[in-house]
Amino acid sequence: NISFLLRILILIFNKRNTQQYSSFFYKMFFIAGLFDLLSILWYVTAQWIYVDQIFGAQFLLDISHNNIPNLFYYYVFYFLYAQIFTIALVSANRACAIYFPTSKLVA
């Protein structure tokens, strides 16, 4: 649900200066959430233009000679890698938290 994700991102952003929400996990979660929101918006825009043809068939024929279809492809392609990278970073962070808990590091 987009509204739930947006609400979580706003909560993390507003409380980013507190000790609980200033950790690396929440920073990476926030970045991954932004990538998700941007991907959803870009996908919906592409659907409206190419599938639903809200601007008409002539508009679709006019932009097919430009680089706009390439922009859609590059956005999806590179942001997919960015999402995978943030998931890998969050997973590595959680693995370090399990293997090296802060209670053992302090003592």
Protein backbone atom coordinates (compact mmCIF):
# COMPACT_ATOMS: atom_id res chain seq x y z
CA ASN A 1 0.00 0.00 0.00
CA ILE A 2 1.55 3.28 -1.11
CA SER A 3 -0.04 5.38 1.60
CA PHE A 4 1.38 3.11 4.31
CA LEU A 5 4.88 3.27 2.80
CA LEU A 6 4.63 7.04 2.47
CA ARG A 7 3.53 7.35 6.10
CA ILE A 8 6.48 5.24 7.28
CA LEU A 9 8.92 7.31 5.22
CA ILE A 10 7.53 10.55 6.64
CA LEU A 11 7.83 9.15 10.17
CA ILE A 12 11.46 8.13 9.62
CA PHE A 13 12.27 11.50 8.05
CA ASN A 14 10.69 13.50 10.87
CA LYS A 15 12.42 11.47 13.59
CA ARG A 16 15.79 11.09 11.85
CA ASN A 17 17.61 13.11 14.55
CA THR A 18 16.55 10.83 17.40
CA GLN A 19 18.85 8.04 18.49
CA GLN A 20 16.46 5.29 17.46
CA TYR A 21 15.91 6.50 13.90
CA SER A 22 19.43 7.74 13.17
CA SER A 23 20.90 4.28 12.64
CA PHE A 24 22.21 2.96 9.33
CA PHE A 25 19.25 0.58 9.04
CA TYR A 26 16.68 3.38 8.99
CA LYS A 27 18.76 5.45 6.56
CA MET A 28 18.95 2.55 4.12
CA PHE A 29 15.28 1.72 4.66
CA PHE A 30 14.38 5.33 3.85
CA ILE A 31 16.48 5.30 0.67
CA ALA A 32 15.00 1.97 -0.44
CA GLY A 33 11.51 3.34 0.21
CA LEU A 34 12.24 6.38 -1.94
CA PHE A 35 13.40 4.12 -4.76
CA ASP A 36 10.21 2.10 -4.40
CA LEU A 37 7.99 5.18 -4.53
CA LEU A 38 9.81 6.60 -7.54
CA SER A 39 9.61 3.26 -9.33
CA ILE A 40 5.88 3.05 -8.73
CA LEU A 41 5.33 6.58 -10.00
CA TRP A 42 7.50 5.97 -13.06
CA TYR A 43 5.73 2.68 -13.81
CA VAL A 44 2.28 4.27 -13.54
CA THR A 45 3.38 7.12 -15.82
CA ALA A 46 4.69 4.64 -18.39
CA GLN A 47 1.44 2.67 -18.20
CA TRP A 48 -0.62 5.80 -18.78
CA ILE A 49 1.47 6.87 -21.76
CA TYR A 50 2.09 3.55 -23.50
CA VAL A 51 -0.78 1.27 -22.54
CA ASP A 52 -3.70 3.57 -21.77
CA GLN A 53 -2.54 6.19 -24.28
CA ILE A 54 -4.04 9.07 -22.30
CA PHE A 55 -2.45 11.61 -24.65
CA GLY A 56 -3.65 9.82 -27.76
CA ALA A 57 -2.03 7.59 -30.35
CA GLN A 58 -0.42 10.50 -32.22
CA PHE A 59 1.52 11.52 -29.11
CA LEU A 60 2.75 7.96 -28.77
CA LEU A 61 3.91 7.95 -32.38
CA ASP A 62 5.63 11.31 -31.93
CA ILE A 63 7.63 10.32 -28.84
CA SER A 64 8.70 6.96 -30.23
CA HIS A 65 11.34 8.77 -32.32
CA ASN A 66 12.76 10.54 -29.27
CA ASN A 67 14.66 9.16 -26.32
CA ILE A 68 11.67 9.03 -23.98
CA PRO A 69 11.22 5.24 -24.28
CA ASN A 70 14.92 4.87 -23.49
CA LEU A 71 14.46 6.99 -20.38
CA PHE A 72 11.78 4.63 -19.13
CA TYR A 73 14.05 1.65 -19.76
CA TYR A 74 17.11 3.18 -18.11
CA TYR A 75 15.14 4.30 -15.10
CA VAL A 76 13.71 0.84 -14.47
CA PHE A 77 17.01 -0.88 -15.25
CA TYR A 78 19.32 1.24 -13.05
CA PHE A 79 16.91 1.80 -10.20
CA LEU A 80 16.36 -1.94 -10.02
CA TYR A 81 20.10 -2.29 -9.34
CA ALA A 82 19.90 0.46 -6.73
CA GLN A 83 17.03 -1.35 -4.98
CA ILE A 84 18.95 -4.63 -4.99
CA PHE A 85 22.04 -2.87 -3.61
CA THR A 86 20.10 -1.24 -0.75
CA ILE A 87 18.48 -4.58 0.10
CA ALA A 88 21.93 -6.18 0.21
CA LEU A 89 23.24 -3.39 2.48
CA VAL A 90 20.30 -3.69 4.87
CA SER A 91 20.73 -7.49 4.94
CA ALA A 92 24.45 -7.14 5.70
CA ASN A 93 23.64 -4.62 8.43
CA ARG A 94 21.14 -6.98 10.03
CA ALA A 95 23.59 -9.90 9.80
CA CYS A 96 26.25 -7.82 11.57
CA ALA A 97 23.72 -6.88 14.24
CA ILE A 98 23.02 -10.57 14.86
CA TYR A 99 26.63 -11.79 14.78
CA PHE A 100 28.13 -8.84 16.66
CA PRO A 101 25.49 -7.46 19.07
CA THR A 102 26.29 -4.11 20.68
CA SER A 103 26.13 -5.65 24.16
CA LYS A 104 29.28 -7.66 23.36
CA LEU A 105 31.02 -4.71 21.70
CA VAL A 106 30.56 -2.45 24.73
CA ALA A 107 31.93 -4.96 27.25
